[in-house]
C-alpha atoms as a PDB file:
ATOM      1  CA  MET A   1      -1.968  -9.860  87.940  1.00  0.00           C
ATOM      2  CA  ALA A   2      -4.409  -9.127  85.113  1.00  0.00           C
ATOM      3  CA  ARG A   3      -4.636  -5.383  86.712  1.00  0.00           C
ATOM      4  CA  ARG A   4      -1.062  -4.822  86.470  1.00  0.00           C
ATOM      5  CA  ASP A   5      -0.484  -5.952  83.008  1.00  0.00           C
ATOM      6  CA  THR A   6      -3.582  -4.025  82.075  1.00  0.00           C
ATOM      7  CA  GLY A   7      -1.754  -0.714  83.334  1.00  0.00           C
ATOM      8  CA  LYS A   8       1.194  -1.702  81.115  1.00  0.00           C
ATOM      9  CA  TRP A   9      -0.772  -1.922  78.417  1.00  0.00           C
ATOM     10  CA  VAL A  10      -2.629   0.979  78.496  1.00  0.00           C
ATOM     11  CA  GLN A  11       0.697   2.944  79.435  1.00  0.00           C
ATOM     12  CA  ARG A  12       2.524   1.564  76.375  1.00  0.00           C
ATOM     13  CA  ALA A  13      -0.243   3.054  74.127  1.00  0.00           C
ATOM     14  CA  ALA A  14       0.025   6.735  75.379  1.00  0.00           C
ATOM     15  CA  ALA A  15       3.751   6.099  75.187  1.00  0.00           C
ATOM     16  CA  THR A  16       2.806   6.256  71.349  1.00  0.00           C
ATOM     17  CA  GLY A  17      -0.167   6.732  69.776  1.00  0.00           C
ATOM     18  CA  GLY A  18      -2.191   8.270  72.609  1.00  0.00           C
ATOM     19  CA  SER A  19       0.542  10.732  73.824  1.00  0.00           C
ATOM     20  CA  ARG A  20       0.570  14.346  73.711  1.00  0.00           C
ATOM     21  CA  ALA A  21       3.999  14.400  71.786  1.00  0.00           C
ATOM     22  CA  TYR A  22       2.461  12.228  69.513  1.00  0.00           C
ATOM     23  CA  ARG A  23      -0.860  14.154  68.706  1.00  0.00           C
ATOM     24  CA  GLY A  24       1.457  17.297  68.250  1.00  0.00           C
ATOM     25  CA  GLN A  25       3.257  15.710  65.365  1.00  0.00           C
ATOM     26  CA  ARG A  26       2.080  16.954  61.645  1.00  0.00           C
ATOM     27  CA  PRO A  27       1.352  13.949  59.147  1.00  0.00           C
ATOM     28  CA  VAL A  28       4.066  14.790  56.765  1.00  0.00           C
ATOM     29  CA  LYS A  29       4.136  11.857  55.064  1.00  0.00           C
ATOM     30  CA  TRP A  30      -0.267  11.893  54.685  1.00  0.00           C
ATOM     31  CA  TYR A  31      -0.177  15.466  53.040  1.00  0.00           C
ATOM     32  CA  THR A  32       3.009  14.552  51.008  1.00  0.00           C
ATOM     33  CA  SER A  33       0.769  11.788  49.708  1.00  0.00           C
ATOM     34  CA  LEU A  34      -2.040  13.999  49.045  1.00  0.00           C
ATOM     35  CA  VAL A  35      -0.391  16.435  46.912  1.00  0.00           C
ATOM     36  CA  LEU A  36       1.320  14.020  45.050  1.00  0.00           C
ATOM     37  CA  ILE A  37      -2.007  12.111  44.046  1.00  0.00           C
ATOM     38  CA  ALA A  38      -3.445  15.793  43.281  1.00  0.00           C
ATOM     39  CA  ILE A  39      -0.506  16.485  41.473  1.00  0.00           C
ATOM     40  CA  LEU A  40      -0.750  13.354  39.060  1.00  0.00           C
ATOM     41  CA  GLY A  41      -4.369  13.834  38.688  1.00  0.00           C
ATOM     42  CA  VAL A  42      -3.758  17.332  37.120  1.00  0.00           C
ATOM     43  CA  ALA A  43      -1.377  15.757  34.999  1.00  0.00           C
ATOM     44  CA  LEU A  44      -3.731  13.153  34.002  1.00  0.00           C
ATOM     45  CA  VAL A  45      -6.353  15.378  32.732  1.00  0.00           C
ATOM     46  CA  TRP A  46      -4.199  17.851  31.164  1.00  0.00           C
ATOM     47  CA  TYR A  47      -2.815  14.710  28.935  1.00  0.00           C
ATOM     48  CA  SER A  48      -5.874  13.369  27.965  1.00  0.00           C
ATOM     49  CA  ARG A  49      -6.869  16.682  26.776  1.00  0.00           C
ATOM     50  CA  TYR A  50      -4.239  17.200  24.647  1.00  0.00           C
ATOM     51  CA  GLU A  51      -4.769  13.968  22.854  1.00  0.00           C
ATOM     52  CA  LYS A  52      -8.175  14.707  22.104  1.00  0.00           C
ATOM     53  CA  GLU A  53      -7.476  18.355  20.835  1.00  0.00           C
ATOM     54  CA  ASN A  54      -3.976  17.108  19.269  1.00  0.00           C
ATOM     55  CA  PRO A  55      -4.889  13.453  17.595  1.00  0.00           C
ATOM     56  CA  SER A  56      -1.708  11.611  16.247  1.00  0.00           C
ATOM     57  CA  ALA A  57      -1.786  11.232  12.678  1.00  0.00           C
ATOM     58  CA  ALA A  58      -2.679   8.027  11.093  1.00  0.00           C
ATOM     59  CA  THR A  59      -0.282   6.065   9.339  1.00  0.00           C
ATOM     60  CA  GLN A  60      -0.994   6.829   5.459  1.00  0.00           C
ATOM     61  CA  PRO A  61      -3.167   5.580   3.497  1.00  0.00           C
ATOM     62  CA  ALA A  62      -5.798   5.914   5.972  1.00  0.00           C
ATOM     63  CA  VAL A  63      -9.170   4.632   5.671  1.00  0.00           C
ATOM     64  CA  GLY A  64     -10.661   7.019   3.257  1.00  0.00           C
ATOM     65  CA  THR A  65      -7.441   8.286   1.383  1.00  0.00           C
ATOM     66  CA  GLN A  66      -7.263   7.335  -2.507  1.00  0.00           C
ATOM     67  CA  TRP A  67      -3.534   6.812  -3.961  1.00  0.00           C
ATOM     68  CA  PHE A  68      -3.341   5.314  -7.662  1.00  0.00           C
ATOM     69  CA  ASP A  69      -0.180   3.694  -8.800  1.00  0.00           C
ATOM     70  CA  ALA A  70       0.169   2.266 -12.425  1.00  0.00           C
ATOM     71  CA  PHE A  71       0.928  -1.549 -12.863  1.00  0.00           C
ATOM     72  CA  ALA A  72       2.136  -3.966 -15.382  1.00  0.00           C
ATOM     73  CA  VAL A  73       2.812  -7.954 -15.943  1.00  0.00           C
ATOM     74  CA  ASP A  74       5.413  -8.904 -18.382  1.00  0.00           C
ATOM     75  CA  ILE A  75       5.626 -12.813 -18.660  1.00  0.00           C
ATOM     76  CA  CYS A  76       8.720 -13.948 -20.895  1.00  0.00           C
ATOM     77  CA  GLY A  77       9.088 -10.689 -22.899  1.00  0.00           C
ATOM     78  CA  THR A  78       5.060 -10.225 -23.171  1.00  0.00           C
ATOM     79  CA  VAL A  79       3.056  -7.830 -21.769  1.00  0.00           C
ATOM     80  CA  GLU A  80      -0.212  -8.615 -20.334  1.00  0.00           C
ATOM     81  CA  PRO A  81      -3.339  -7.014 -21.010  1.00  0.00           C
ATOM     82  CA  ASN A  82      -4.516  -5.031 -18.002  1.00  0.00           C
ATOM     83  CA  LEU A  83      -6.071  -6.745 -15.346  1.00  0.00           C
ATOM     84  CA  PRO A  84      -9.805  -6.841 -15.906  1.00  0.00           C
ATOM     85  CA  ALA A  85     -11.556  -4.849 -12.760  1.00  0.00           C
ATOM     86  CA  ASN A  86     -12.065  -6.792  -9.418  1.00  0.00           C
ATOM     87  CA  PRO A  87     -15.162  -8.761  -9.262  1.00  0.00           C
ATOM     88  CA  PRO A  88     -17.879  -7.159  -7.059  1.00  0.00           C
ATOM     89  CA  VAL A  89     -17.924  -8.023  -3.268  1.00  0.00           C
ATOM     90  CA  LYS A  90     -21.301  -9.104  -2.294  1.00  0.00           C
ATOM     91  CA  LYS A  91     -20.388  -8.270   1.855  1.00  0.00           C
ATOM     92  CA  GLY A  92     -18.981  -6.008   3.812  1.00  0.00           C
ATOM     93  CA  PRO A  93     -17.424  -2.659   2.779  1.00  0.00           C
ATOM     94  CA  GLY A  94     -15.790  -3.853  -0.440  1.00  0.00           C
ATOM     95  CA  LEU A  95     -12.065  -4.340  -1.494  1.00  0.00           C
ATOM     96  CA  GLY A  96     -10.048  -1.293  -0.803  1.00  0.00           C
ATOM     97  CA  LEU A  97      -6.961  -2.308  -2.766  1.00  0.00           C
ATOM     98  CA  THR A  98      -8.463  -2.844  -6.739  1.00  0.00           C
ATOM     99  CA  THR A  99      -8.227  -2.293 -10.149  1.00  0.00           C
ATOM    100  CA  ALA A 100     -10.682  -1.063 -12.616  1.00  0.00           C
ATOM    101  CA  GLY A 101      -9.370  -2.581 -15.739  1.00  0.00           C
ATOM    102  CA  ASP A 102      -7.440   0.668 -16.537  1.00  0.00           C
ATOM    103  CA  GLY A 103      -3.790  -0.629 -15.121  1.00  0.00           C
ATOM    104  CA  VAL A 104      -3.920   1.464 -12.415  1.00  0.00           C
ATOM    105  CA  ILE A 105      -4.253  -0.034  -8.435  1.00  0.00           C
ATOM    106  CA  HIS A 106      -6.577   1.738  -6.954  1.00  0.00           C
ATOM    107  CA  ILE A 107      -5.787   2.175  -3.219  1.00  0.00           C
ATOM    108  CA  ASP A 108      -8.865   3.229  -1.188  1.00  0.00           C
ATOM    109  CA  PRO A 109      -8.613   1.633   2.331  1.00  0.00           C
ATOM    110  CA  LYS A 110     -12.101   0.471   3.601  1.00  0.00           C
ATOM    111  CA  THR A 111     -10.809  -0.938   6.754  1.00  0.00           C
ATOM    112  CA  SER A 112      -7.817  -0.643   9.142  1.00  0.00           C
ATOM    113  CA  ALA A 113      -6.423  -4.276   7.575  1.00  0.00           C
ATOM    114  CA  GLU A 114      -6.071  -2.145   3.950  1.00  0.00           C
ATOM    115  CA  ALA A 115      -4.556   0.971   5.699  1.00  0.00           C
ATOM    116  CA  GLY A 116      -1.541   1.914   6.362  1.00  0.00           C
ATOM    117  CA  ASP A 117       1.423  -0.405   6.352  1.00  0.00           C
ATOM    118  CA  ASN A 118      -1.018  -2.836   5.510  1.00  0.00           C
ATOM    119  CA  ALA A 119      -1.793  -1.292   2.036  1.00  0.00           C
ATOM    120  CA  THR A 120       0.779  -3.751   0.417  1.00  0.00           C
ATOM    121  CA  LEU A 121       1.320  -5.300  -2.967  1.00  0.00           C
ATOM    122  CA  GLY A 122       0.699  -8.539  -1.586  1.00  0.00           C
ATOM    123  CA  ARG A 123      -2.770  -7.646  -0.078  1.00  0.00           C
ATOM    124  CA  PHE A 124      -3.500  -6.650  -3.798  1.00  0.00           C
ATOM    125  CA  VAL A 125      -2.587  -9.404  -5.398  1.00  0.00           C
ATOM    126  CA  GLN A 126      -4.115 -11.425  -2.430  1.00  0.00           C
ATOM    127  CA  ASP A 127      -7.448 -10.059  -2.893  1.00  0.00           C
ATOM    128  CA  TYR A 128      -7.446 -10.305  -6.779  1.00  0.00           C
ATOM    129  CA  PRO A 129      -8.805 -13.676  -7.950  1.00  0.00           C
ATOM    130  CA  GLY A 130      -5.882 -15.803  -9.570  1.00  0.00           C
ATOM    131  CA  LEU A 131      -3.106 -13.735  -9.439  1.00  0.00           C
ATOM    132  CA  VAL A 132      -0.191 -15.204  -8.024  1.00  0.00           C
ATOM    133  CA  LEU A 133       3.020 -13.132  -6.720  1.00  0.00           C
ATOM    134  CA  THR A 134       5.720 -14.232  -4.565  1.00  0.00           C
ATOM    135  CA  SER A 135       9.724 -13.473  -4.625  1.00  0.00           C
ATOM    136  CA  SER A 136      10.078 -16.752  -6.551  1.00  0.00           C
ATOM    137  CA  SER A 137       6.593 -17.019  -8.441  1.00  0.00           C
ATOM    138  CA  ILE A 138       3.959 -15.146 -10.692  1.00  0.00           C
ATOM    139  CA  ARG A 139       1.144 -16.169 -12.164  1.00  0.00           C
ATOM    140  CA  TYR A 140      -1.199 -14.185 -14.825  1.00  0.00           C
ATOM    141  CA  PRO A 141      -4.782 -15.105 -14.682  1.00  0.00           C
ATOM    142  CA  GLY A 142      -7.084 -15.930 -17.661  1.00  0.00           C
ATOM    143  CA  GLN A 143      -8.013 -18.158 -20.190  1.00  0.00           C
ATOM    144  CA  ARG A 144      -5.363 -20.710 -20.888  1.00  0.00           C
ATOM    145  CA  SER A 145      -6.248 -20.604 -24.466  1.00  0.00           C
ATOM    146  CA  ALA A 146      -5.523 -16.870 -24.595  1.00  0.00           C
ATOM    147  CA  GLY A 147      -1.796 -17.754 -24.809  1.00  0.00           C
ATOM    148  CA  PRO A 148       1.283 -19.227 -23.208  1.00  0.00           C
ATOM    149  CA  THR A 149       1.726 -17.047 -20.381  1.00  0.00           C
ATOM    150  CA  VAL A 150      -1.665 -17.147 -19.286  1.00  0.00           C
ATOM    151  CA  ASP A 151      -3.381 -18.968 -16.059  1.00  0.00           C
ATOM    152  CA  ARG A 152       0.341 -20.814 -15.561  1.00  0.00           C
ATOM    153  CA  THR A 153       2.083 -20.046 -12.495  1.00  0.00           C
ATOM    154  CA  PHE A 154       6.357 -19.587 -13.609  1.00  0.00           C
ATOM    155  CA  LYS A 155       8.887 -20.097 -11.021  1.00  0.00           C
ATOM    156  CA  ASN A 156      12.273 -19.228 -10.672  1.00  0.00           C
ATOM    157  CA  GLY A 157      14.627 -21.093 -12.988  1.00  0.00           C
ATOM    158  CA  GLU A 158      11.946 -22.456 -15.554  1.00  0.00           C
ATOM    159  CA  VAL A 159      12.375 -22.306 -19.211  1.00  0.00           C
ATOM    160  CA  CYS A 160       9.876 -19.507 -21.103  1.00  0.00           C
ATOM    161  CA  PRO A 161       8.074 -21.241 -23.068  1.00  0.00           C
ATOM    162  CA  LYS A 162       7.665 -21.733 -27.088  1.00  0.00           C
ATOM    163  CA  GLY A 163       5.677 -18.590 -28.565  1.00  0.00           C
ATOM    164  CA  THR A 164       7.144 -15.891 -25.955  1.00  0.00           C
ATOM    165  CA  LYS A 165       9.799 -13.374 -26.886  1.00  0.00           C
ATOM    166  CA  ASP A 166      12.342 -15.116 -24.374  1.00  0.00           C
ATOM    167  CA  ALA A 167      11.851 -18.533 -25.539  1.00  0.00           C
ATOM    168  CA  GLY A 168      14.116 -21.266 -24.216  1.00  0.00           C
ATOM    169  CA  LYS A 169      15.580 -18.421 -21.657  1.00  0.00           C
ATOM    170  CA  ALA A 170      15.456 -19.311 -17.749  1.00  0.00           C
ATOM    171  CA  GLY A 171      13.434 -16.601 -16.246  1.00  0.00           C
ATOM    172  CA  GLN A 172      12.952 -15.610 -12.546  1.00  0.00           C
ATOM    173  CA  VAL A 173      10.479 -12.760 -10.877  1.00  0.00           C
ATOM    174  CA  GLU A 174      11.164  -9.367 -10.637  1.00  0.00           C
ATOM    175  CA  VAL A 175       9.511  -6.502  -9.342  1.00  0.00           C
ATOM    176  CA  ASP A 176      10.468  -2.946 -10.741  1.00  0.00           C
ATOM    177  CA  LEU A 177       9.310   0.221  -9.313  1.00  0.00           C
ATOM    178  CA  TRP A 178       9.390   3.576 -10.752  1.00  0.00           C
ATOM    179  CA  PRO A 179       8.744   5.827  -7.320  1.00  0.00           C
ATOM    180  CA  THR A 180       7.463   9.183  -9.341  1.00  0.00           C
ATOM    181  CA  PRO A 181       6.370   9.361 -13.386  1.00  0.00           C
ATOM    182  CA  THR A 182       9.377  11.454 -13.893  1.00  0.00           C
ATOM    183  CA  SER A 183      11.583   8.616 -12.775  1.00  0.00           C
ATOM    184  CA  THR A 184      14.362   7.504 -15.176  1.00  0.00           C
ATOM    185  CA  SER A 185      15.439   4.588 -13.918  1.00  0.00           C
ATOM    186  CA  PRO A 186      13.776   2.030 -11.365  1.00  0.00           C
ATOM    187  CA  GLU A 187      14.434   0.482  -8.277  1.00  0.00           C
ATOM    188  CA  ARG A 188      14.105  -3.676  -7.976  1.00  0.00           C
ATOM    189  CA  LEU A 189      11.961  -4.448  -5.149  1.00  0.00           C
ATOM    190  CA  ALA A 190      13.655  -7.457  -2.918  1.00  0.00           C
ATOM    191  CA  ASP A 191      10.261  -8.433  -1.458  1.00  0.00           C
ATOM    192  CA  PRO A 192       7.731  -8.138  -3.626  1.00  0.00           C
ATOM    193  CA  THR A 193       4.523  -8.898  -1.805  1.00  0.00           C
ATOM    194  CA  GLY A 194       5.634  -6.742   1.368  1.00  0.00           C
ATOM    195  CA  TYR A 195       6.117  -3.531  -0.710  1.00  0.00           C
ATOM    196  CA  LYS A 196       3.919  -0.902   1.013  1.00  0.00           C
ATOM    197  CA  LEU A 197       2.735   0.790  -2.102  1.00  0.00           C
ATOM    198  CA  GLY A 198       2.891   4.623  -2.696  1.00  0.00           C
ATOM    199  CA  ASP A 199       0.953   7.160  -4.160  1.00  0.00           C
ATOM    200  CA  GLU A 200       1.699   8.066  -7.957  1.00  0.00           C
ATOM    201  CA  GLN A 201       4.185   5.104  -8.371  1.00  0.00           C
ATOM    202  CA  GLU A 202       4.548   2.669 -11.397  1.00  0.00           C
ATOM    203  CA  LEU A 203       5.424  -1.047 -10.915  1.00  0.00           C
ATOM    204  CA  THR A 204       5.701  -3.857 -13.550  1.00  0.00           C
ATOM    205  CA  LEU A 205       5.630  -7.368 -12.399  1.00  0.00           C
ATOM    206  CA  ALA A 206       7.509  -9.655 -14.635  1.00  0.00           C
ATOM    207  CA  PHE A 207       9.333 -12.922 -15.126  1.00  0.00           C
ATOM    208  CA  VAL A 208      11.927 -12.443 -17.267  1.00  0.00           C
ATOM    209  CA  PRO A 209      15.675 -13.787 -17.841  1.00  0.00           C
ATOM    210  CA  ALA A 210      18.135 -12.305 -15.295  1.00  0.00           C
ATOM    211  CA  GLY A 211      19.604  -8.886 -16.658  1.00  0.00           C
ATOM    212  CA  ALA A 212      16.473  -8.595 -19.274  1.00  0.00           C
ATOM    213  CA  LYS A 213      15.328  -4.847 -19.549  1.00  0.00           C
ATOM    214  CA  VAL A 214      11.872  -4.648 -17.367  1.00  0.00           C
ATOM    215  CA  PRO A 215       9.358  -2.220 -19.343  1.00  0.00           C
ATOM    216  CA  ARG A 216       7.344   0.137 -16.850  1.00  0.00           C
ATOM    217  CA  PRO A 217       3.569   0.792 -17.337  1.00  0.00           C
ATOM    218  CA  SER A 218       2.149   2.069 -20.528  1.00  0.00           C
ATOM    219  CA  GLY A 219       1.598   5.591 -21.361  1.00  0.00           C
ATOM    220  CA  SER A 220      -1.910   4.912 -21.342  1.00  0.00           C
ATOM    221  CA  ALA A 221      -2.016   3.522 -17.789  1.00  0.00           C
ATOM    222  CA  VAL A 222       0.010   6.152 -16.255  1.00  0.00           C
ATOM    223  CA  THR A 223      -2.335   8.768 -17.960  1.00  0.00           C
ATOM    224  CA  ALA A 224      -5.242   7.159 -16.273  1.00  0.00           C
ATOM    225  CA  MET A 225      -3.345   7.008 -12.753  1.00  0.00           C
ATOM    226  CA  LEU A 226      -2.385  11.006 -13.156  1.00  0.00           C
ATOM    227  CA  GLN A 227      -5.816  11.593 -13.975  1.00  0.00           C
ATOM    228  CA  ASP A 228      -7.443   9.552 -11.161  1.00  0.00           C
ATOM    229  CA  ALA A 229      -4.381  11.180  -8.862  1.00  0.00           C
ATOM    230  CA  SER A 230      -6.370  15.137 -10.073  1.00  0.00           C
ATOM    231  CA  ALA A 231      -9.762  14.212  -9.766  1.00  0.00           C
ATOM    232  CA  ALA A 232      -9.405  12.970  -6.453  1.00  0.00           C
ATOM    233  CA  ALA A 233      -7.223  16.052  -5.148  1.00  0.00           C
ATOM    234  CA  SER A 234     -10.142  18.200  -6.559  1.00  0.00           C
ATOM    235  CA  GLY A 235     -12.231  16.009  -4.801  1.00  0.00           C
ATOM    236  CA  SER A 236     -14.146  14.507  -7.431  1.00  0.00           C
ATOM    237  CA  SER A 237     -14.405  10.678  -8.346  1.00  0.00           C
ATOM    238  CA  PRO A 238     -11.864   8.933 -10.665  1.00  0.00           C
ATOM    239  CA  THR A 239     -12.385   9.293 -14.080  1.00  0.00           C
ATOM    240  CA  SER A 240     -10.873   5.924 -14.881  1.00  0.00           C
ATOM    241  CA  THR A 241     -13.153   3.290 -16.110  1.00  0.00           C
ATOM    242  CA  PRO A 242     -13.003  -0.313 -17.209  1.00  0.00           C
ATOM    243  CA  THR A 243     -11.479  -1.214 -19.898  1.00  0.00           C
ATOM    244  CA  SER A 244     -11.536  -3.564 -23.262  1.00  0.00           C
ATOM    245  CA  SER A 245      -8.277  -5.907 -24.008  1.00  0.00           C
ATOM    246  CA  THR A 246      -7.089  -7.307 -27.550  1.00  0.00           C
ATOM    247  CA  SER A 247      -4.767  -9.902 -28.609  1.00  0.00           C
ATOM    248  CA  THR A 248      -1.794  -9.274 -30.916  1.00  0.00           C
ATOM    249  CA  SER A 249       0.384 -11.731 -33.042  1.00  0.00           C
ATOM    250  CA  SER A 250       3.236 -11.934 -30.431  1.00  0.00           C
ATOM    251  CA  GLY A 251       0.938 -12.569 -27.337  1.00  0.00           C
ATOM    252  CA  THR A 252      -1.564  -9.881 -25.817  1.00  0.00           C
ATOM    253  CA  ALA A 253      -1.648  -6.174 -25.011  1.00  0.00           C
ATOM    254  CA  SER A 254      -3.548  -3.084 -23.670  1.00  0.00           C
ATOM    255  CA  SER A 255      -6.097  -1.578 -26.324  1.00  0.00           C
ATOM    256  CA  GLY A 256      -5.134   1.564 -26.575  1.00  0.00           C
ATOM    257  CA  SER A 257      -1.466   0.701 -25.171  1.00  0.00           C
ATOM    258  CA  SER A 258       1.647   2.347 -26.675  1.00  0.00           C
ATOM    259  CA  GLY A 259       3.358  -0.994 -25.666  1.00  0.00           C
ATOM    260  CA  THR A 260       1.211  -3.174 -27.852  1.00  0.00           C
ATOM    261  CA  GLY A 261       2.579  -4.413 -31.230  1.00  0.00           C
ATOM    262  CA  SER A 262       3.667  -7.523 -33.216  1.00  0.00           C
ATOM    263  CA  SER A 263       6.491  -9.750 -32.636  1.00  0.00           C
ATOM    264  CA  GLY A 264       8.590  -7.692 -35.128  1.00  0.00           C
ATOM    265  CA  THR A 265       8.030  -4.677 -32.970  1.00  0.00           C
ATOM    266  CA  GLY A 266       8.562  -6.362 -29.682  1.00  0.00           C
ATOM    267  CA  SER A 267      11.458  -4.198 -28.632  1.00  0.00           C
ATOM    268  CA  SER A 268      10.102  -0.627 -29.706  1.00  0.00           C
ATOM    269  CA  SER A 269       7.107  -1.421 -27.868  1.00  0.00           C
ATOM    270  CA  ALA A 270       9.428  -0.964 -24.698  1.00  0.00           C
ATOM    271  CA  GLY A 271      10.503   2.466 -26.197  1.00  0.00           C
ATOM    272  CA  SER A 272       7.035   3.766 -27.283  1.00  0.00           C
ATOM    273  CA  SER A 273       5.546   2.350 -24.103  1.00  0.00           C
ATOM    274  CA  SER A 274       8.355   4.654 -22.283  1.00  0.00           C
ATOM    275  CA  ALA A 275       7.866   7.357 -24.096  1.00  0.00           C
ATOM    276  CA  GLY A 276       4.477   7.329 -23.607  1.00  0.00           C
ATOM    277  CA  SER A 277       4.665   7.058 -19.965  1.00  0.00           C
ATOM    278  CA  SER A 278       6.849  10.417 -20.271  1.00  0.00           C
ATOM    279  CA  GLY A 279       4.519  12.264 -22.458  1.00  0.00           C
ATOM    280  CA  SER A 280       1.391  11.651 -20.236  1.00  0.00           C
ATOM    281  CA  SER A 281       3.444  12.565 -17.297  1.00  0.00           C
ATOM    282  CA  GLY A 282       3.571  15.896 -18.554  1.00  0.00           C
ATOM    283  CA  SER A 283      -0.421  16.242 -19.729  1.00  0.00           C
ATOM    284  CA  ALA A 284      -1.753  15.008 -16.528  1.00  0.00           C
ATOM    285  CA  ALA A 285       0.677  17.272 -14.583  1.00  0.00           C
ATOM    286  CA  SER A 286      -0.578  20.406 -16.440  1.00  0.00           C
ATOM    287  CA  SER A 287      -4.163  18.595 -16.002  1.00  0.00           C
ATOM    288  CA  ARG A 288      -3.239  18.570 -12.043  1.00  0.00           C
ATOM    289  CA  SER A 289      -1.770  22.055 -11.711  1.00  0.00           C
ATOM    290  CA  LYS A 290      -5.040  23.210 -13.587  1.00  0.00           C
ATOM    291  CA  ALA A 291      -7.401  21.739 -11.013  1.00  0.00           C
ATOM    292  CA  SER A 292      -5.066  23.243  -8.123  1.00  0.00           C
ATOM    293  CA  SER A 293      -5.561  26.506 -10.007  1.00  0.00           C
ATOM    294  CA  SER A 294      -9.355  26.472 -10.637  1.00  0.00           C
ATOM    295  CA  SER A 295      -9.918  24.781  -6.715  1.00  0.00           C
ATOM    296  CA  SER A 296      -8.239  28.518  -5.590  1.00  0.00           C
END
């Protein structure tokens, strides 16, 4: 019985894999698999080489980019002095979103955490000691003795204190944006902290009564912004340096700013600031064209 079973097993094996008919068949599936693997390998090599030779552009501002925005802070009708320069950072590559005390936000990302979509107004505020900005609150840092609007957190609905232009009126946080130096009317930011900073823009962080006109940054700040942008475009270092601040009888204002003045000229200060901005835009644009012609 054992021999018969073995013989049947041999016959079945011969009828399948071991028969001459089977050996004569071409392994189509095997060759097809080899061809597909070869095509896939060639495609992967080509794609890898293409990506190496044509890297995708990084979202701007990338690490190493230099952008500049003019900014101001208005609390209850008092245009505050330019924020002093950021304190130095002892460890790491340093901060990429800073100010030099010139009324300009220097956007120079040092790491990916500050670059691209992370280069926001909220990031600048976060890295500046004592400065607070949300959609419902704002605080300008400094010594409280400097005035009723300094080192105090104002929240939506609070009344402006005595000694300010808008005393007795309820205020709210507003951040206005002028997209270009030649923009004539501002855009109101719905999400101030999430706003991604641009290049050569103007912003005013304000706490004012509803419907109040928010002044744009001073002419000196806009001039410094455009001069820094021109210097960066020509490969030079930014020309702006920390500036000092002085107080006025109506509160405080930046020294050299066209928006400063006494309490009796508060309304005219906004107009002079706007005029200074327009004049500075033209002069700085001229300097940029000269820089471009000299570089070419």
